PDB file of N, CA and C in Angstrom:
ATOM      1  N   MET A   1     127.975  74.559 -62.154  1.00  0.00           N
ATOM      2  CA  MET A   1     129.277  73.943 -61.971  1.00  0.00           C
ATOM      3  C   MET A   1     129.314  72.607 -62.710  1.00  0.00           C
ATOM      4  N   ASP A   2     130.383  72.409 -63.497  1.00  0.00           N
ATOM      5  CA  ASP A   2     130.585  71.126 -64.160  1.00  0.00           C
ATOM      6  C   ASP A   2     131.057  70.105 -63.139  1.00  0.00           C
ATOM      7  N   LYS A   3     130.696  68.848 -63.379  1.00  0.00           N
ATOM      8  CA  LYS A   3     131.098  67.788 -62.469  1.00  0.00           C
ATOM      9  C   LYS A   3     132.502  67.282 -62.759  1.00  0.00           C
ATOM     10  N   GLU A   4     133.007  67.549 -63.992  1.00  0.00           N
ATOM     11  CA  GLU A   4     134.345  67.098 -64.321  1.00  0.00           C
ATOM     12  C   GLU A   4     135.005  68.030 -65.328  1.00  0.00           C
ATOM     13  N   VAL A   5     136.324  68.001 -65.332  1.00  0.00           N
ATOM     14  CA  VAL A   5     137.115  68.693 -66.333  1.00  0.00           C
ATOM     15  C   VAL A   5     137.786  67.612 -67.162  1.00  0.00           C
ATOM     16  N   ILE A   6     137.682  67.727 -68.475  1.00  0.00           N
ATOM     17  CA  ILE A   6     138.297  66.753 -69.371  1.00  0.00           C
ATOM     18  C   ILE A   6     139.553  67.360 -69.973  1.00  0.00           C
ATOM     19  N   PHE A   7     140.662  66.655 -69.827  1.00  0.00           N
ATOM     20  CA  PHE A   7     141.923  67.045 -70.444  1.00  0.00           C
ATOM     21  C   PHE A   7     142.201  66.117 -71.622  1.00  0.00           C
ATOM     22  N   VAL A   8     142.576  66.693 -72.761  1.00  0.00           N
ATOM     23  CA  VAL A   8     143.086  65.917 -73.881  1.00  0.00           C
ATOM     24  C   VAL A   8     144.589  65.844 -73.695  1.00  0.00           C
ATOM     25  N   VAL A   9     145.112  64.636 -73.623  1.00  0.00           N
ATOM     26  CA  VAL A   9     146.529  64.407 -73.348  1.00  0.00           C
ATOM     27  C   VAL A   9     147.179  63.831 -74.599  1.00  0.00           C
ATOM     28  N   GLU A  10     148.296  64.433 -74.986  1.00  0.00           N
ATOM     29  CA  GLU A  10     149.061  63.943 -76.128  1.00  0.00           C
ATOM     30  C   GLU A  10     150.515  63.772 -75.722  1.00  0.00           C
ATOM     31  N   GLU A  11     151.199  62.862 -76.398  1.00  0.00           N
ATOM     32  CA  GLU A  11     152.632  62.719 -76.162  1.00  0.00           C
ATOM     33  C   GLU A  11     153.326  63.941 -76.749  1.00  0.00           C
ATOM     34  N   SER A  12     154.261  64.493 -76.014  1.00  0.00           N
ATOM     35  CA  SER A  12     155.001  65.664 -76.467  1.00  0.00           C
ATOM     36  C   SER A  12     156.135  65.236 -77.395  1.00  0.00           C
ATOM     37  N   PRO A  13     156.379  65.998 -78.465  1.00  0.00           N
ATOM     38  CA  PRO A  13     157.509  65.664 -79.348  1.00  0.00           C
ATOM     39  C   PRO A  13     158.851  65.670 -78.606  1.00  0.00           C
ATOM     40  N   GLU A  14     158.958  66.469 -77.546  1.00  0.00           N
ATOM     41  CA  GLU A  14     160.187  66.540 -76.757  1.00  0.00           C
ATOM     42  C   GLU A  14     160.256  65.444 -75.694  1.00  0.00           C
ATOM     43  N   GLY A  15     159.230  64.629 -75.585  1.00  0.00           N
ATOM     44  CA  GLY A  15     159.135  63.611 -74.544  1.00  0.00           C
ATOM     45  C   GLY A  15     158.143  64.038 -73.485  1.00  0.00           C
ATOM     46  N   GLY A  16     157.568  63.103 -72.790  1.00  0.00           N
ATOM     47  CA  GLY A  16     156.571  63.401 -71.777  1.00  0.00           C
ATOM     48  C   GLY A  16     155.196  63.620 -72.386  1.00  0.00           C
ATOM     49  N   TYR A  17     154.363  64.366 -71.678  1.00  0.00           N
ATOM     50  CA  TYR A  17     152.967  64.539 -72.066  1.00  0.00           C
ATOM     51  C   TYR A  17     152.532  65.993 -71.919  1.00  0.00           C
ATOM     52  N   GLU A  18     151.635  66.416 -72.798  1.00  0.00           N
ATOM     53  CA  GLU A  18     151.026  67.742 -72.743  1.00  0.00           C
ATOM     54  C   GLU A  18     149.522  67.538 -72.595  1.00  0.00           C
ATOM     55  N   ALA A  19     148.895  68.369 -71.774  1.00  0.00           N
ATOM     56  CA  ALA A  19     147.457  68.242 -71.538  1.00  0.00           C
ATOM     57  C   ALA A  19     146.792  69.608 -71.623  1.00  0.00           C
ATOM     58  N   ARG A  20     145.618  69.638 -72.257  1.00  0.00           N
ATOM     59  CA  ARG A  20     144.827  70.867 -72.303  1.00  0.00           C
ATOM     60  C   ARG A  20     143.388  70.521 -71.946  1.00  0.00           C
ATOM     61  N   ALA A  21     142.801  71.380 -71.138  1.00  0.00           N
ATOM     62  CA  ALA A  21     141.426  71.160 -70.696  1.00  0.00           C
ATOM     63  C   ALA A  21     140.457  71.628 -71.780  1.00  0.00           C
ATOM     64  N   LEU A  22     139.411  70.873 -71.989  1.00  0.00           N
ATOM     65  CA  LEU A  22     138.371  71.257 -72.942  1.00  0.00           C
ATOM     66  C   LEU A  22     137.450  72.277 -72.284  1.00  0.00           C
ATOM     67  N   GLY A  23     137.323  73.446 -72.924  1.00  0.00           N
ATOM     68  CA  GLY A  23     136.408  74.461 -72.435  1.00  0.00           C
ATOM     69  C   GLY A  23     136.998  75.397 -71.389  1.00  0.00           C
ATOM     70  N   TYR A  24     138.245  75.179 -71.016  1.00  0.00           N
ATOM     71  CA  TYR A  24     138.899  76.032 -70.016  1.00  0.00           C
ATOM     72  C   TYR A  24     140.312  76.347 -70.491  1.00  0.00           C
ATOM     73  N   SER A  25     140.848  77.457 -70.050  1.00  0.00           N
ATOM     74  CA  SER A  25     142.226  77.832 -70.384  1.00  0.00           C
ATOM     75  C   SER A  25     143.178  77.220 -69.371  1.00  0.00           C
ATOM     76  N   ILE A  26     143.252  75.908 -69.376  1.00  0.00           N
ATOM     77  CA  ILE A  26     144.142  75.190 -68.467  1.00  0.00           C
ATOM     78  C   ILE A  26     145.038  74.297 -69.323  1.00  0.00           C
ATOM     79  N   PHE A  27     146.334  74.511 -69.203  1.00  0.00           N
ATOM     80  CA  PHE A  27     147.320  73.728 -69.932  1.00  0.00           C
ATOM     81  C   PHE A  27     148.391  73.290 -68.944  1.00  0.00           C
ATOM     82  N   THR A  28     148.886  72.058 -69.120  1.00  0.00           N
ATOM     83  CA  THR A  28     149.946  71.584 -68.245  1.00  0.00           C
ATOM     84  C   THR A  28     150.739  70.505 -68.962  1.00  0.00           C
ATOM     85  N   GLU A  29     151.871  70.122 -68.376  1.00  0.00           N
ATOM     86  CA  GLU A  29     152.707  69.085 -68.972  1.00  0.00           C
ATOM     87  C   GLU A  29     153.471  68.363 -67.880  1.00  0.00           C
ATOM     88  N   ALA A  30     153.931  67.141 -68.210  1.00  0.00           N
ATOM     89  CA  ALA A  30     154.682  66.335 -67.243  1.00  0.00           C
ATOM     90  C   ALA A  30     155.466  65.264 -67.992  1.00  0.00           C
ATOM     91  N   ASP A  31     156.427  64.676 -67.291  1.00  0.00           N
ATOM     92  CA  ASP A  31     157.253  63.634 -67.896  1.00  0.00           C
ATOM     93  C   ASP A  31     156.565  62.271 -67.923  1.00  0.00           C
ATOM     94  N   THR A  32     155.715  61.994 -66.933  1.00  0.00           N
ATOM     95  CA  THR A  32     155.037  60.698 -66.843  1.00  0.00           C
ATOM     96  C   THR A  32     153.541  60.908 -66.646  1.00  0.00           C
ATOM     97  N   ILE A  33     152.776  59.860 -66.879  1.00  0.00           N
ATOM     98  CA  ILE A  33     151.325  59.932 -66.653  1.00  0.00           C
ATOM     99  C   ILE A  33     151.030  60.151 -65.168  1.00  0.00           C
ATOM    100  N   GLU A  34     151.764  59.489 -64.294  1.00  0.00           N
ATOM    101  CA  GLU A  34     151.545  59.672 -62.854  1.00  0.00           C
ATOM    102  C   GLU A  34     151.786  61.125 -62.442  1.00  0.00           C
ATOM    103  N   GLU A  35     152.857  61.708 -62.949  1.00  0.00           N
ATOM    104  CA  GLU A  35     153.143  63.109 -62.652  1.00  0.00           C
ATOM    105  C   GLU A  35     152.069  64.016 -63.256  1.00  0.00           C
ATOM    106  N   LEU A  36     151.581  63.659 -64.449  1.00  0.00           N
ATOM    107  CA  LEU A  36     150.548  64.457 -65.105  1.00  0.00           C
ATOM    108  C   LEU A  36     149.270  64.497 -64.271  1.00  0.00           C
ATOM    109  N   LYS A  37     148.924  63.395 -63.641  1.00  0.00           N
ATOM    110  CA  LYS A  37     147.741  63.373 -62.769  1.00  0.00           C
ATOM    111  C   LYS A  37     147.876  64.414 -61.662  1.00  0.00           C
ATOM    112  N   SER A  38     149.046  64.475 -61.070  1.00  0.00           N
ATOM    113  CA  SER A  38     149.281  65.411 -59.972  1.00  0.00           C
ATOM    114  C   SER A  38     149.266  66.866 -60.445  1.00  0.00           C
ATOM    115  N   VAL A  39     149.949  67.153 -61.562  1.00  0.00           N
ATOM    116  CA  VAL A  39     149.989  68.545 -62.025  1.00  0.00           C
ATOM    117  C   VAL A  39     148.634  68.982 -62.570  1.00  0.00           C
ATOM    118  N   ALA A  40     147.843  68.054 -63.104  1.00  0.00           N
ATOM    119  CA  ALA A  40     146.482  68.396 -63.545  1.00  0.00           C
ATOM    120  C   ALA A  40     145.622  68.771 -62.336  1.00  0.00           C
ATOM    121  N   GLN A  41     145.756  68.033 -61.245  1.00  0.00           N
ATOM    122  CA  GLN A  41     145.027  68.375 -60.027  1.00  0.00           C
ATOM    123  C   GLN A  41     145.419  69.767 -59.543  1.00  0.00           C
ATOM    124  N   ASP A  42     146.716  70.046 -59.522  1.00  0.00           N
ATOM    125  CA  ASP A  42     147.182  71.366 -59.095  1.00  0.00           C
ATOM    126  C   ASP A  42     146.644  72.468 -60.005  1.00  0.00           C
ATOM    127  N   ALA A  43     146.659  72.219 -61.316  1.00  0.00           N
ATOM    128  CA  ALA A  43     146.181  73.224 -62.268  1.00  0.00           C
ATOM    129  C   ALA A  43     144.693  73.508 -62.075  1.00  0.00           C
ATOM    130  N   VAL A  44     143.910  72.473 -61.831  1.00  0.00           N
ATOM    131  CA  VAL A  44     142.464  72.653 -61.618  1.00  0.00           C
ATOM    132  C   VAL A  44     142.220  73.392 -60.307  1.00  0.00           C
ATOM    133  N   ARG A  45     142.971  73.051 -59.277  1.00  0.00           N
ATOM    134  CA  ARG A  45     142.824  73.755 -57.987  1.00  0.00           C
ATOM    135  C   ARG A  45     143.144  75.243 -58.130  1.00  0.00           C
ATOM    136  N   CYS A  46     144.158  75.563 -58.947  1.00  0.00           N
ATOM    137  CA  CYS A  46     144.526  76.968 -59.152  1.00  0.00           C
ATOM    138  C   CYS A  46     143.501  77.723 -60.003  1.00  0.00           C
ATOM    139  N   HIS A  47     142.855  77.021 -60.924  1.00  0.00           N
ATOM    140  CA  HIS A  47     141.943  77.663 -61.867  1.00  0.00           C
ATOM    141  C   HIS A  47     140.574  77.969 -61.247  1.00  0.00           C
ATOM    142  N   PHE A  48     140.105  77.093 -60.374  1.00  0.00           N
ATOM    143  CA  PHE A  48     138.761  77.228 -59.811  1.00  0.00           C
ATOM    144  C   PHE A  48     138.803  77.605 -58.335  1.00  0.00           C
ATOM    145  N   ASP A  49     137.804  78.373 -57.908  1.00  0.00           N
ATOM    146  CA  ASP A  49     137.585  78.565 -56.481  1.00  0.00           C
ATOM    147  C   ASP A  49     137.095  77.246 -55.901  1.00  0.00           C
ATOM    148  N   GLU A  50     137.308  77.051 -54.628  1.00  0.00           N
ATOM    149  CA  GLU A  50     136.950  75.777 -53.996  1.00  0.00           C
ATOM    150  C   GLU A  50     135.476  75.421 -54.201  1.00  0.00           C
ATOM    151  N   ASP A  51     134.576  76.399 -54.121  1.00  0.00           N
ATOM    152  CA  ASP A  51     133.143  76.137 -54.267  1.00  0.00           C
ATOM    153  C   ASP A  51     132.742  75.790 -55.698  1.00  0.00           C
ATOM    154  N   ASP A  52     133.548  76.203 -56.677  1.00  0.00           N
ATOM    155  CA  ASP A  52     133.228  75.971 -58.086  1.00  0.00           C
ATOM    156  C   ASP A  52     134.027  74.828 -58.699  1.00  0.00           C
ATOM    157  N   ARG A  53     134.921  74.227 -57.948  1.00  0.00           N
ATOM    158  CA  ARG A  53     135.825  73.205 -58.471  1.00  0.00           C
ATOM    159  C   ARG A  53     135.070  71.923 -58.831  1.00  0.00           C
ATOM    160  N   PRO A  54     135.300  71.387 -60.026  1.00  0.00           N
ATOM    161  CA  PRO A  54     134.691  70.103 -60.395  1.00  0.00           C
ATOM    162  C   PRO A  54     135.189  68.980 -59.485  1.00  0.00           C
ATOM    163  N   ALA A  55     134.382  67.956 -59.353  1.00  0.00           N
ATOM    164  CA  ALA A  55     134.715  66.846 -58.468  1.00  0.00           C
ATOM    165  C   ALA A  55     135.685  65.855 -59.112  1.00  0.00           C
ATOM    166  N   MET A  56     135.768  65.860 -60.451  1.00  0.00           N
ATOM    167  CA  MET A  56     136.545  64.844 -61.135  1.00  0.00           C
ATOM    168  C   MET A  56     137.351  65.441 -62.288  1.00  0.00           C
ATOM    169  N   ILE A  57     138.498  64.840 -62.542  1.00  0.00           N
ATOM    170  CA  ILE A  57     139.328  65.185 -63.691  1.00  0.00           C
ATOM    171  C   ILE A  57     139.430  63.938 -64.556  1.00  0.00           C
ATOM    172  N   ARG A  58     139.134  64.103 -65.836  1.00  0.00           N
ATOM    173  CA  ARG A  58     139.246  62.983 -66.776  1.00  0.00           C
ATOM    174  C   ARG A  58     140.405  63.279 -67.724  1.00  0.00           C
ATOM    175  N   LEU A  59     141.342  62.328 -67.832  1.00  0.00           N
ATOM    176  CA  LEU A  59     142.454  62.446 -68.764  1.00  0.00           C
ATOM    177  C   LEU A  59     142.163  61.570 -69.974  1.00  0.00           C
ATOM    178  N   HIS A  60     141.923  62.211 -71.109  1.00  0.00           N
ATOM    179  CA  HIS A  60     141.657  61.481 -72.356  1.00  0.00           C
ATOM    180  C   HIS A  60     142.988  61.429 -73.110  1.00  0.00           C
ATOM    181  N   ILE A  61     143.633  60.263 -73.074  1.00  0.00           N
ATOM    182  CA  ILE A  61     144.977  60.127 -73.626  1.00  0.00           C
ATOM    183  C   ILE A  61     144.890  59.672 -75.083  1.00  0.00           C
ATOM    184  N   THR A  62     145.458  60.510 -75.972  1.00  0.00           N
ATOM    185  CA  THR A  62     145.486  60.178 -77.401  1.00  0.00           C
ATOM    186  C   THR A  62     146.923  59.907 -77.805  1.00  0.00           C
ATOM    187  N   ARG A  63     147.083  59.036 -78.783  1.00  0.00           N
ATOM    188  CA  ARG A  63     148.419  58.668 -79.223  1.00  0.00           C
ATOM    189  C   ARG A  63     148.376  58.292 -80.681  1.00  0.00           C
ATOM    190  N   ASP A  64     149.299  58.843 -81.464  1.00  0.00           N
ATOM    191  CA  ASP A  64     149.422  58.448 -82.859  1.00  0.00           C
ATOM    192  C   ASP A  64     150.283  57.196 -82.930  1.00  0.00           C
ATOM    193  N   GLU A  65     149.832  56.271 -83.705  1.00  0.00           N
ATOM    194  CA  GLU A  65     150.564  55.024 -83.908  1.00  0.00           C
ATOM    195  C   GLU A  65     150.872  54.934 -85.391  1.00  0.00           C
ATOM    196  N   VAL A  66     152.141  54.842 -85.751  1.00  0.00           N
ATOM    197  CA  VAL A  66     152.549  54.767 -87.144  1.00  0.00           C
ATOM    198  C   VAL A  66     152.987  53.344 -87.453  1.00  0.00           C
ATOM    199  N   VAL A  67     152.405  52.768 -88.497  1.00  0.00           N
ATOM    200  CA  VAL A  67     152.759  51.409 -88.913  1.00  0.00           C
ATOM    201  C   VAL A  67     153.108  51.431 -90.402  1.00  0.00           C
ATOM    202  N   PRO A  68     154.008  50.564 -90.820  1.00  0.00           N
ATOM    203  CA  PRO A  68     154.347  50.538 -92.253  1.00  0.00           C
ATOM    204  C   PRO A  68     153.158  50.057 -93.072  1.00  0.00           C
ATOM    205  N   ALA A  69     153.049  50.576 -94.288  1.00  0.00           N
ATOM    206  CA  ALA A  69     151.942  50.206 -95.183  1.00  0.00           C
ATOM    207  C   ALA A  69     152.199  48.883 -95.871  1.00  0.00           C
TER     208      ALA A  69
END
């Protein structure tokens, strides 16, 4: 059993955030980071049996920043 699930979080072109778990088929989305924390918890609970569920969820938030040259 892994001790944590890592989600890569990106800003969605439509607004809000999209998250995908590394190494697992878990994908979710939300309008805010606070909401994303909750839906990520729900997604992990649905994906794993209670005995196999990781103890921690890590949200790795990436963001493109565009600046003029």
